[in-house]
Amino acid sequence: MGSTKDDQFAMFEEKVKRTVYVDNLSPQVTEPVLRTALDQFGTVVSVHFIPNYTEPINSSQCALVEMKDLKEAKSVISVISQFPFMISGMPRPVRARPAEVEMFDDRPVKPGRKISFTWLEKDDPDFEVAKKIKLLTQKHVAEVTFLLKHHLAEEEKLAKQQQEALKGNYKKYEIVESVMADGTARRLAKHYNMRVSDD
């Protein structure tokens, strides 16, 4: 005997509870990268990137990450809210929060709910309300685009700073290696009467 719509929706609600909404991800983040990063908190069941049609393709992205249970989902949210999210050694301003039913494009219809559509004529009392909502949506898209440009500029600045810091650290490591390899460290140690470890 097949499950009822009530059972299907109940199962979906359980899935929502153990799913984490993660945003501000780099455009370079792939499903395997996200799985690897979050597998340390438990078992990642699925990763679904949410398409954003109002922003450029190279902008930050968001995803729904289903964990094995609610405890693991809470652990992901807690850790990401307290510590920088590291990807390839770089901290990211990633945010995480519990998923909501409306975030799932494949959600089942809630039992007892019926959605109907109708075209509004100009003399309909709801026409002006719908028109205002449409204008508000256009304004929102313009604001989001402006904020996104600012956010991307900040991200590029952060990425440049991080890259310079990594290059600086690597250069220091190369200098230390060269000093050890050419015998300079041993000569200095002998001069100052110090011991040099081979480690």
N, C-alpha and C. Protein backbone atom coordinates (compact mmCIF):
# COMPACT_ATOMS: atom_id res chain seq x y z
N MET A 1 0.84 -1.19 0.00
CA MET A 1 0.00 0.00 0.00
C MET A 1 0.89 1.25 0.00
N GLY A 2 0.63 2.20 -0.91
CA GLY A 2 1.45 3.40 -1.03
C GLY A 2 1.21 4.38 0.10
N SER A 3 2.16 5.28 0.29
CA SER A 3 2.02 6.26 1.36
C SER A 3 1.04 7.35 0.95
N THR A 4 0.37 7.92 1.92
CA THR A 4 -0.59 8.99 1.67
C THR A 4 0.15 10.31 1.51
N LYS A 5 -0.58 11.34 1.06
CA LYS A 5 0.03 12.67 0.92
C LYS A 5 0.47 13.20 2.29
N ASP A 6 -0.29 12.86 3.33
CA ASP A 6 0.09 13.28 4.69
C ASP A 6 1.43 12.66 5.07
N ASP A 7 1.61 11.35 4.76
CA ASP A 7 2.86 10.65 5.08
C ASP A 7 4.03 11.26 4.30
N GLN A 8 3.80 11.54 3.01
CA GLN A 8 4.85 12.11 2.17
C GLN A 8 5.29 13.48 2.70
N PHE A 9 4.32 14.29 3.10
CA PHE A 9 4.65 15.62 3.60
C PHE A 9 5.36 15.52 4.95
N ALA A 10 4.95 14.57 5.78
CA ALA A 10 5.61 14.37 7.09
C ALA A 10 7.07 13.96 6.89
N MET A 11 7.32 13.07 5.91
CA MET A 11 8.69 12.65 5.62
C MET A 11 9.52 13.82 5.09
N PHE A 12 8.88 14.66 4.27
CA PHE A 12 9.55 15.84 3.73
C PHE A 12 9.91 16.80 4.87
N GLU A 13 9.00 17.01 5.81
CA GLU A 13 9.27 17.91 6.95
C GLU A 13 10.44 17.41 7.79
N GLU A 14 10.58 16.08 7.93
CA GLU A 14 11.71 15.51 8.66
C GLU A 14 13.02 15.81 7.92
N LYS A 15 12.96 15.71 6.59
CA LYS A 15 14.13 16.02 5.76
C LYS A 15 14.53 17.48 5.95
N VAL A 16 13.54 18.38 5.96
CA VAL A 16 13.81 19.81 6.14
C VAL A 16 14.53 20.06 7.47
N LYS A 17 14.11 19.37 8.53
CA LYS A 17 14.70 19.56 9.86
C LYS A 17 16.18 19.21 9.91
N ARG A 18 16.58 18.22 9.12
CA ARG A 18 18.00 17.81 9.14
C ARG A 18 18.80 18.42 7.98
N THR A 19 18.22 19.44 7.33
CA THR A 19 18.90 20.10 6.22
C THR A 19 19.37 21.49 6.64
N VAL A 20 20.58 21.84 6.19
CA VAL A 20 21.19 23.13 6.51
C VAL A 20 21.25 23.97 5.25
N TYR A 21 20.85 25.23 5.38
CA TYR A 21 20.97 26.19 4.28
C TYR A 21 22.31 26.90 4.45
N VAL A 22 23.19 26.77 3.47
CA VAL A 22 24.53 27.37 3.52
C VAL A 22 24.63 28.39 2.39
N ASP A 23 25.02 29.63 2.73
CA ASP A 23 25.17 30.62 1.66
C ASP A 23 26.47 31.38 1.77
N ASN A 24 26.69 32.26 0.81
CA ASN A 24 27.94 33.01 0.68
C ASN A 24 29.10 32.10 0.27
N LEU A 25 28.77 31.01 -0.40
CA LEU A 25 29.81 30.10 -0.89
C LEU A 25 30.47 30.69 -2.13
N SER A 26 31.74 30.41 -2.29
CA SER A 26 32.46 30.85 -3.49
C SER A 26 31.86 30.17 -4.72
N PRO A 27 31.87 30.84 -5.86
CA PRO A 27 31.38 30.20 -7.10
C PRO A 27 32.18 28.96 -7.47
N GLN A 28 33.42 28.86 -6.95
CA GLN A 28 34.27 27.71 -7.26
C GLN A 28 33.93 26.46 -6.44
N VAL A 29 33.09 26.61 -5.42
CA VAL A 29 32.77 25.47 -4.56
C VAL A 29 31.89 24.48 -5.32
N THR A 30 32.32 23.23 -5.32
CA THR A 30 31.58 22.16 -5.99
C THR A 30 30.97 21.25 -4.94
N GLU A 31 30.13 20.32 -5.37
CA GLU A 31 29.51 19.38 -4.43
C GLU A 31 30.56 18.56 -3.67
N PRO A 32 31.59 17.99 -4.34
CA PRO A 32 32.59 17.23 -3.59
C PRO A 32 33.33 18.08 -2.54
N VAL A 33 33.61 19.35 -2.87
CA VAL A 33 34.29 20.24 -1.93
C VAL A 33 33.42 20.47 -0.70
N LEU A 34 32.13 20.74 -0.92
CA LEU A 34 31.21 20.99 0.18
C LEU A 34 31.00 19.74 1.02
N ARG A 35 30.87 18.60 0.36
CA ARG A 35 30.73 17.32 1.08
C ARG A 35 31.94 17.07 1.98
N THR A 36 33.13 17.25 1.43
CA THR A 36 34.36 17.02 2.20
C THR A 36 34.43 17.95 3.40
N ALA A 37 34.05 19.21 3.20
CA ALA A 37 34.11 20.19 4.28
C ALA A 37 33.13 19.85 5.41
N LEU A 38 31.94 19.35 5.06
CA LEU A 38 30.91 19.11 6.07
C LEU A 38 30.85 17.66 6.57
N ASP A 39 31.55 16.75 5.90
CA ASP A 39 31.58 15.36 6.35
C ASP A 39 32.22 15.21 7.73
N GLN A 40 33.03 16.19 8.14
CA GLN A 40 33.65 16.12 9.47
C GLN A 40 32.62 16.26 10.60
N PHE A 41 31.41 16.73 10.26
CA PHE A 41 30.36 16.90 11.27
C PHE A 41 29.38 15.74 11.28
N GLY A 42 29.52 14.82 10.34
CA GLY A 42 28.60 13.70 10.24
C GLY A 42 28.51 13.22 8.80
N THR A 43 27.38 12.65 8.46
CA THR A 43 27.21 12.11 7.12
C THR A 43 26.36 13.05 6.27
N VAL A 44 26.94 13.51 5.17
CA VAL A 44 26.20 14.35 4.23
C VAL A 44 25.39 13.42 3.33
N VAL A 45 24.06 13.54 3.38
CA VAL A 45 23.18 12.70 2.57
C VAL A 45 23.07 13.24 1.15
N SER A 46 22.88 14.57 1.03
CA SER A 46 22.76 15.17 -0.30
C SER A 46 23.14 16.64 -0.25
N VAL A 47 23.56 17.15 -1.41
CA VAL A 47 23.89 18.57 -1.57
C VAL A 47 23.13 19.06 -2.80
N HIS A 48 22.38 20.14 -2.62
CA HIS A 48 21.63 20.71 -3.75
C HIS A 48 21.91 22.21 -3.80
N PHE A 49 22.59 22.64 -4.87
CA PHE A 49 22.85 24.07 -5.05
C PHE A 49 21.59 24.75 -5.56
N ILE A 50 21.26 25.89 -4.97
CA ILE A 50 20.04 26.62 -5.33
C ILE A 50 20.39 27.65 -6.40
N PRO A 51 19.81 27.54 -7.58
CA PRO A 51 20.11 28.53 -8.62
C PRO A 51 19.55 29.90 -8.27
N ASN A 52 20.30 30.93 -8.57
CA ASN A 52 19.85 32.30 -8.33
C ASN A 52 19.81 33.01 -9.68
N TYR A 53 18.62 33.24 -10.19
CA TYR A 53 18.47 33.79 -11.53
C TYR A 53 18.58 35.31 -11.57
N THR A 54 18.71 35.94 -10.40
CA THR A 54 18.78 37.41 -10.38
C THR A 54 20.22 37.92 -10.29
N GLU A 55 21.19 37.00 -10.16
CA GLU A 55 22.58 37.42 -10.00
C GLU A 55 23.45 36.81 -11.09
N PRO A 56 24.62 37.41 -11.35
CA PRO A 56 25.53 36.84 -12.35
C PRO A 56 26.00 35.45 -11.97
N ILE A 57 26.43 34.67 -12.97
CA ILE A 57 26.85 33.29 -12.73
C ILE A 57 28.06 33.21 -11.80
N ASN A 58 28.97 34.19 -11.85
CA ASN A 58 30.18 34.11 -11.04
C ASN A 58 30.01 34.68 -9.64
N SER A 59 28.76 34.87 -9.21
CA SER A 59 28.52 35.40 -7.87
C SER A 59 28.54 34.27 -6.85
N SER A 60 28.47 34.64 -5.56
CA SER A 60 28.45 33.62 -4.51
C SER A 60 27.19 32.77 -4.67
N GLN A 61 27.23 31.59 -4.11
CA GLN A 61 26.10 30.69 -4.27
C GLN A 61 25.67 30.12 -2.93
N CYS A 62 24.52 29.45 -2.94
CA CYS A 62 24.00 28.84 -1.72
C CYS A 62 23.58 27.41 -2.01
N ALA A 63 23.45 26.64 -0.94
CA ALA A 63 23.13 25.22 -1.12
C ALA A 63 22.32 24.70 0.06
N LEU A 64 21.55 23.66 -0.22
CA LEU A 64 20.85 22.92 0.83
C LEU A 64 21.63 21.63 1.05
N VAL A 65 22.10 21.44 2.28
CA VAL A 65 22.90 20.25 2.60
C VAL A 65 22.12 19.40 3.60
N GLU A 66 21.70 18.22 3.15
CA GLU A 66 20.96 17.31 4.03
C GLU A 66 21.95 16.44 4.80
N MET A 67 21.86 16.50 6.13
CA MET A 67 22.70 15.65 6.98
C MET A 67 21.90 14.41 7.39
N LYS A 68 22.58 13.45 8.02
CA LYS A 68 21.92 12.19 8.38
C LYS A 68 20.85 12.40 9.44
N ASP A 69 21.10 13.32 10.40
CA ASP A 69 20.10 13.58 11.43
C ASP A 69 20.16 15.03 11.90
N LEU A 70 19.20 15.39 12.74
CA LEU A 70 19.05 16.77 13.23
C LEU A 70 20.27 17.21 14.05
N LYS A 71 20.83 16.30 14.84
CA LYS A 71 21.99 16.62 15.69
C LYS A 71 23.18 17.07 14.83
N GLU A 72 23.42 16.35 13.73
CA GLU A 72 24.52 16.71 12.84
C GLU A 72 24.26 18.06 12.16
N ALA A 73 23.02 18.31 11.77
CA ALA A 73 22.66 19.59 11.14
C ALA A 73 22.91 20.74 12.11
N LYS A 74 22.52 20.56 13.37
CA LYS A 74 22.74 21.61 14.39
C LYS A 74 24.23 21.84 14.61
N SER A 75 25.02 20.77 14.55
CA SER A 75 26.46 20.87 14.73
C SER A 75 27.09 21.71 13.61
N VAL A 76 26.66 21.49 12.37
CA VAL A 76 27.16 22.26 11.23
C VAL A 76 26.86 23.74 11.44
N ILE A 77 25.62 24.05 11.80
CA ILE A 77 25.19 25.45 11.99
C ILE A 77 25.99 26.10 13.11
N SER A 78 26.16 25.38 14.21
CA SER A 78 26.88 25.92 15.37
C SER A 78 28.34 26.24 15.03
N VAL A 79 29.02 25.31 14.39
CA VAL A 79 30.44 25.49 14.08
C VAL A 79 30.66 26.61 13.06
N ILE A 80 29.84 26.63 12.00
CA ILE A 80 30.02 27.66 10.97
C ILE A 80 29.72 29.05 11.53
N SER A 81 28.81 29.15 12.50
CA SER A 81 28.51 30.46 13.08
C SER A 81 29.62 30.95 14.01
N GLN A 82 30.46 30.01 14.51
CA GLN A 82 31.52 30.39 15.46
C GLN A 82 32.90 30.51 14.84
N PHE A 83 33.16 29.76 13.76
CA PHE A 83 34.50 29.72 13.20
C PHE A 83 34.48 30.02 11.69
N PRO A 84 35.60 30.56 11.16
CA PRO A 84 35.65 30.79 9.70
C PRO A 84 35.59 29.46 8.96
N PHE A 85 34.91 29.45 7.85
CA PHE A 85 34.78 28.26 7.02
C PHE A 85 35.98 28.23 6.08
N MET A 86 36.81 27.21 6.17
CA MET A 86 38.04 27.14 5.39
C MET A 86 37.83 26.28 4.14
N ILE A 87 38.21 26.84 3.00
CA ILE A 87 38.21 26.07 1.75
C ILE A 87 39.56 26.29 1.10
N SER A 88 40.28 25.21 0.87
CA SER A 88 41.63 25.26 0.29
C SER A 88 42.53 26.21 1.08
N GLY A 89 42.40 26.17 2.40
CA GLY A 89 43.25 27.00 3.26
C GLY A 89 42.85 28.45 3.35
N MET A 90 41.71 28.81 2.75
CA MET A 90 41.26 30.20 2.76
C MET A 90 39.95 30.33 3.55
N PRO A 91 39.88 31.27 4.51
CA PRO A 91 38.61 31.47 5.22
C PRO A 91 37.58 32.13 4.32
N ARG A 92 36.32 31.72 4.44
CA ARG A 92 35.23 32.28 3.65
C ARG A 92 34.16 32.82 4.59
N PRO A 93 33.50 33.93 4.23
CA PRO A 93 32.42 34.46 5.08
C PRO A 93 31.12 33.68 4.88
N VAL A 94 31.18 32.37 5.11
CA VAL A 94 30.03 31.49 4.87
C VAL A 94 29.08 31.57 6.06
N ARG A 95 27.78 31.49 5.75
CA ARG A 95 26.76 31.48 6.80
C ARG A 95 25.95 30.19 6.69
N ALA A 96 25.41 29.76 7.82
CA ALA A 96 24.58 28.55 7.82
C ALA A 96 23.41 28.76 8.78
N ARG A 97 22.25 28.23 8.37
CA ARG A 97 21.06 28.30 9.22
C ARG A 97 20.13 27.14 8.86
N PRO A 98 19.16 26.85 9.73
CA PRO A 98 18.24 25.75 9.39
C PRO A 98 17.48 26.03 8.10
N ALA A 99 17.28 25.00 7.31
CA ALA A 99 16.52 25.14 6.07
C ALA A 99 15.05 25.36 6.38
N GLU A 100 14.34 25.94 5.42
CA GLU A 100 12.90 26.16 5.55
C GLU A 100 12.19 25.47 4.39
N VAL A 101 10.94 25.11 4.61
CA VAL A 101 10.15 24.38 3.61
C VAL A 101 10.17 25.08 2.26
N GLU A 102 10.06 26.41 2.25
CA GLU A 102 9.95 27.17 1.00
C GLU A 102 11.23 27.14 0.16
N MET A 103 12.34 26.70 0.74
CA MET A 103 13.62 26.67 0.02
C MET A 103 13.73 25.50 -0.95
N PHE A 104 12.85 24.52 -0.84
CA PHE A 104 12.92 23.31 -1.65
C PHE A 104 12.02 23.44 -2.87
N ASP A 105 12.63 23.38 -4.06
CA ASP A 105 11.81 23.50 -5.27
C ASP A 105 11.05 22.20 -5.58
N ASP A 106 11.43 21.10 -4.93
CA ASP A 106 10.76 19.82 -5.17
C ASP A 106 9.82 19.43 -4.02
N ARG A 107 9.43 20.43 -3.22
CA ARG A 107 8.61 20.12 -2.05
C ARG A 107 7.23 19.61 -2.47
N PRO A 108 6.70 18.65 -1.73
CA PRO A 108 5.35 18.15 -2.04
C PRO A 108 4.29 19.18 -1.63
N VAL A 109 3.12 19.06 -2.19
CA VAL A 109 2.03 19.96 -1.85
C VAL A 109 1.56 19.63 -0.44
N LYS A 110 1.42 20.67 0.37
CA LYS A 110 0.94 20.46 1.74
C LYS A 110 -0.50 19.95 1.69
N PRO A 111 -0.80 18.89 2.45
CA PRO A 111 -2.18 18.35 2.43
C PRO A 111 -3.20 19.44 2.77
N GLY A 112 -4.28 19.48 1.98
CA GLY A 112 -5.35 20.44 2.22
C GLY A 112 -5.12 21.79 1.56
N ARG A 113 -3.95 21.97 0.92
CA ARG A 113 -3.65 23.25 0.29
C ARG A 113 -3.91 23.18 -1.21
N LYS A 114 -4.55 24.20 -1.74
CA LYS A 114 -4.83 24.24 -3.17
C LYS A 114 -4.38 25.60 -3.70
N ILE A 115 -3.61 25.58 -4.77
CA ILE A 115 -3.11 26.82 -5.37
C ILE A 115 -3.86 27.06 -6.67
N SER A 116 -4.38 28.27 -6.84
CA SER A 116 -5.07 28.60 -8.08
C SER A 116 -4.46 29.88 -8.66
N PHE A 117 -4.52 30.01 -9.98
CA PHE A 117 -3.95 31.16 -10.68
C PHE A 117 -5.05 31.83 -11.50
N THR A 118 -4.94 33.14 -11.60
CA THR A 118 -5.89 33.86 -12.43
C THR A 118 -5.24 35.15 -12.94
N TRP A 119 -5.60 35.58 -14.14
CA TRP A 119 -5.12 36.85 -14.67
C TRP A 119 -5.97 37.97 -14.10
N LEU A 120 -5.33 39.07 -13.72
CA LEU A 120 -6.06 40.20 -13.17
C LEU A 120 -6.37 41.23 -14.25
N GLU A 121 -7.60 41.65 -14.29
CA GLU A 121 -7.99 42.74 -15.19
C GLU A 121 -7.73 44.07 -14.48
N LYS A 122 -7.63 45.15 -15.24
CA LYS A 122 -7.33 46.46 -14.65
C LYS A 122 -8.38 46.94 -13.66
N ASP A 123 -9.61 46.48 -13.83
CA ASP A 123 -10.67 46.92 -12.91
C ASP A 123 -10.77 46.02 -11.67
N ASP A 124 -9.93 45.00 -11.60
CA ASP A 124 -9.93 44.10 -10.43
C ASP A 124 -9.34 44.85 -9.23
N PRO A 125 -9.94 44.74 -8.03
CA PRO A 125 -9.42 45.46 -6.85
C PRO A 125 -7.99 45.06 -6.48
N ASP A 126 -7.57 43.85 -6.86
CA ASP A 126 -6.21 43.39 -6.53
C ASP A 126 -5.17 43.80 -7.57
N PHE A 127 -5.62 44.43 -8.67
CA PHE A 127 -4.70 44.79 -9.75
C PHE A 127 -3.62 45.76 -9.25
N GLU A 128 -4.03 46.81 -8.53
CA GLU A 128 -3.06 47.81 -8.03
C GLU A 128 -2.08 47.17 -7.04
N VAL A 129 -2.58 46.26 -6.20
CA VAL A 129 -1.70 45.57 -5.23
C VAL A 129 -0.66 44.76 -5.98
N ALA A 130 -1.10 44.00 -6.99
CA ALA A 130 -0.19 43.18 -7.78
C ALA A 130 0.84 44.06 -8.51
N LYS A 131 0.39 45.22 -9.00
CA LYS A 131 1.28 46.14 -9.69
C LYS A 131 2.36 46.67 -8.74
N LYS A 132 1.95 47.00 -7.51
CA LYS A 132 2.91 47.49 -6.50
C LYS A 132 3.92 46.40 -6.15
N ILE A 133 3.45 45.18 -6.04
CA ILE A 133 4.34 44.05 -5.73
C ILE A 133 5.36 43.86 -6.86
N LYS A 134 4.90 43.99 -8.08
CA LYS A 134 5.79 43.84 -9.24
C LYS A 134 6.87 44.92 -9.22
N LEU A 135 6.49 46.18 -8.95
CA LEU A 135 7.46 47.27 -8.88
C LEU A 135 8.43 47.08 -7.72
N LEU A 136 7.90 46.61 -6.59
CA LEU A 136 8.74 46.35 -5.42
C LEU A 136 9.77 45.27 -5.73
N THR A 137 9.36 44.25 -6.47
CA THR A 137 10.27 43.17 -6.86
C THR A 137 11.38 43.71 -7.76
N GLN A 138 11.03 44.57 -8.71
CA GLN A 138 12.04 45.16 -9.59
C GLN A 138 13.03 46.02 -8.80
N LYS A 139 12.51 46.75 -7.82
CA LYS A 139 13.38 47.58 -6.97
C LYS A 139 14.32 46.69 -6.16
N HIS A 140 13.77 45.58 -5.66
CA HIS A 140 14.57 44.64 -4.87
C HIS A 140 15.71 44.06 -5.71
N VAL A 141 15.42 43.69 -6.95
CA VAL A 141 16.45 43.14 -7.84
C VAL A 141 17.55 44.17 -8.07
N ALA A 142 17.17 45.44 -8.26
CA ALA A 142 18.17 46.50 -8.48
C ALA A 142 19.04 46.67 -7.23
N GLU A 143 18.42 46.64 -6.05
CA GLU A 143 19.17 46.78 -4.79
C GLU A 143 20.12 45.60 -4.60
N VAL A 144 19.62 44.40 -4.87
CA VAL A 144 20.45 43.19 -4.72
C VAL A 144 21.65 43.24 -5.66
N THR A 145 21.42 43.71 -6.90
CA THR A 145 22.51 43.81 -7.88
C THR A 145 23.58 44.78 -7.39
N PHE A 146 23.14 45.92 -6.84
CA PHE A 146 24.09 46.91 -6.31
C PHE A 146 24.88 46.33 -5.16
N LEU A 147 24.18 45.70 -4.20
CA LEU A 147 24.86 45.11 -3.04
C LEU A 147 25.80 43.99 -3.45
N LEU A 148 25.39 43.23 -4.46
CA LEU A 148 26.23 42.14 -4.94
C LEU A 148 27.54 42.66 -5.51
N LYS A 149 27.48 43.76 -6.30
CA LYS A 149 28.70 44.34 -6.85
C LYS A 149 29.64 44.75 -5.72
N HIS A 150 29.08 45.38 -4.69
CA HIS A 150 29.88 45.79 -3.53
C HIS A 150 30.48 44.57 -2.83
N HIS A 151 29.65 43.54 -2.66
CA HIS A 151 30.10 42.31 -2.00
C HIS A 151 31.21 41.63 -2.79
N LEU A 152 31.06 41.56 -4.12
CA LEU A 152 32.08 40.92 -4.96
C LEU A 152 33.40 41.69 -4.89
N ALA A 153 33.32 43.02 -4.84
CA ALA A 153 34.53 43.84 -4.73
C ALA A 153 35.24 43.54 -3.40
N GLU A 154 34.46 43.42 -2.32
CA GLU A 154 35.04 43.08 -1.01
C GLU A 154 35.67 41.69 -1.05
N GLU A 155 34.99 40.74 -1.70
CA GLU A 155 35.51 39.37 -1.80
C GLU A 155 36.82 39.35 -2.58
N GLU A 156 36.88 40.10 -3.68
CA GLU A 156 38.10 40.15 -4.47
C GLU A 156 39.25 40.74 -3.66
N LYS A 157 38.94 41.78 -2.87
CA LYS A 157 39.95 42.41 -2.02
C LYS A 157 40.45 41.40 -0.98
N LEU A 158 39.52 40.66 -0.36
CA LEU A 158 39.88 39.66 0.64
C LEU A 158 40.72 38.55 0.01
N ALA A 159 40.31 38.08 -1.17
CA ALA A 159 41.05 37.02 -1.86
C ALA A 159 42.47 37.46 -2.19
N LYS A 160 42.61 38.74 -2.61
CA LYS A 160 43.94 39.27 -2.93
C LYS A 160 44.81 39.33 -1.69
N GLN A 161 44.23 39.79 -0.56
CA GLN A 161 44.99 39.85 0.69
C GLN A 161 45.43 38.45 1.13
N GLN A 162 44.50 37.48 1.00
CA GLN A 162 44.83 36.12 1.40
C GLN A 162 45.92 35.53 0.51
N GLN A 163 45.84 35.82 -0.79
CA GLN A 163 46.84 35.30 -1.73
C GLN A 163 48.21 35.90 -1.42
N GLU A 164 48.23 37.19 -1.10
CA GLU A 164 49.50 37.85 -0.76
C GLU A 164 50.08 37.27 0.52
N ALA A 165 49.21 37.00 1.50
CA ALA A 165 49.68 36.40 2.76
C ALA A 165 50.25 35.01 2.52
N LEU A 166 49.58 34.23 1.68
CA LEU A 166 50.08 32.89 1.36
C LEU A 166 51.43 32.96 0.64
N LYS A 167 51.55 33.89 -0.33
CA LYS A 167 52.81 34.04 -1.05
C LYS A 167 53.93 34.46 -0.09
N GLY A 168 53.61 35.39 0.83
CA GLY A 168 54.59 35.84 1.81
C GLY A 168 55.07 34.70 2.69
N ASN A 169 54.12 33.88 3.17
CA ASN A 169 54.49 32.73 4.01
C ASN A 169 55.32 31.72 3.24
N TYR A 170 54.96 31.50 1.98
CA TYR A 170 55.69 30.55 1.16
C TYR A 170 57.12 31.05 0.91
N LYS A 171 57.25 32.37 0.69
CA LYS A 171 58.58 32.95 0.46
C LYS A 171 59.44 32.79 1.71
N LYS A 172 58.85 33.00 2.90
CA LYS A 172 59.60 32.81 4.15
C LYS A 172 60.07 31.36 4.26
N TYR A 173 59.18 30.44 3.91
CA TYR A 173 59.51 29.02 3.97
C TYR A 173 60.67 28.71 3.01
N GLU A 174 60.64 29.30 1.80
CA GLU A 174 61.71 29.08 0.82
C GLU A 174 63.04 29.63 1.35
N ILE A 175 63.00 30.81 2.01
CA ILE A 175 64.22 31.40 2.56
C ILE A 175 64.80 30.50 3.64
N VAL A 176 63.96 30.01 4.54
CA VAL A 176 64.42 29.11 5.61
C VAL A 176 65.03 27.85 5.01
N GLU A 177 64.35 27.30 3.99
CA GLU A 177 64.86 26.09 3.32
C GLU A 177 66.23 26.34 2.69
N SER A 178 66.37 27.50 2.01
CA SER A 178 67.64 27.78 1.34
C SER A 178 68.77 28.01 2.36
N VAL A 179 68.46 28.65 3.49
CA VAL A 179 69.46 28.88 4.53
C VAL A 179 69.92 27.54 5.11
N MET A 180 68.99 26.61 5.26
CA MET A 180 69.34 25.29 5.79
C MET A 180 70.13 24.49 4.75
N ALA A 181 69.74 24.61 3.48
CA ALA A 181 70.36 23.79 2.43
C ALA A 181 71.79 24.24 2.10
N ASP A 182 72.06 25.55 2.10
CA ASP A 182 73.40 26.00 1.68
C ASP A 182 74.42 26.07 2.81
N GLY A 183 74.03 25.67 4.01
CA GLY A 183 74.98 25.61 5.12
C GLY A 183 75.10 26.90 5.91
N THR A 184 74.34 27.94 5.52
CA THR A 184 74.40 29.22 6.24
C THR A 184 74.00 29.05 7.71
N ALA A 185 72.97 28.25 7.95
CA ALA A 185 72.49 28.04 9.33
C ALA A 185 73.58 27.40 10.18
N ARG A 186 74.29 26.43 9.63
CA ARG A 186 75.37 25.75 10.39
C ARG A 186 76.52 26.72 10.69
N ARG A 187 76.88 27.53 9.68
CA ARG A 187 77.97 28.49 9.91
C ARG A 187 77.59 29.51 10.99
N LEU A 188 76.33 30.00 10.94
CA LEU A 188 75.88 30.95 11.96
C LEU A 188 75.84 30.30 13.34
N ALA A 189 75.37 29.05 13.38
CA ALA A 189 75.29 28.33 14.66
C ALA A 189 76.69 28.14 15.24
N LYS A 190 77.65 27.79 14.39
CA LYS A 190 79.03 27.59 14.86
C LYS A 190 79.60 28.91 15.38
N HIS A 191 79.30 30.00 14.63
CA HIS A 191 79.81 31.31 15.01
C HIS A 191 79.27 31.73 16.39
N TYR A 192 77.96 31.48 16.63
CA TYR A 192 77.34 31.88 17.90
C TYR A 192 77.33 30.75 18.92
N ASN A 193 78.07 29.68 18.62
CA ASN A 193 78.22 28.55 19.55
C ASN A 193 76.85 27.94 19.90
N MET A 194 76.08 27.64 18.88
CA MET A 194 74.74 27.05 19.07
C MET A 194 74.69 25.71 18.34
N ARG A 195 73.78 24.87 18.77
CA ARG A 195 73.57 23.58 18.10
C ARG A 195 72.47 23.70 17.07
N VAL A 196 72.63 23.04 15.91
CA VAL A 196 71.61 23.02 14.88
C VAL A 196 71.07 21.61 14.76
N SER A 197 69.74 21.50 14.87
CA SER A 197 69.11 20.18 14.74
C SER A 197 68.98 19.83 13.27
N ASP A 198 69.07 18.52 12.96
CA ASP A 198 68.90 18.07 11.58
C ASP A 198 67.44 17.97 11.18
N ASP A 199 66.49 18.17 12.13
CA ASP A 199 65.05 18.07 11.85
C ASP A 199 64.58 19.27 11.08
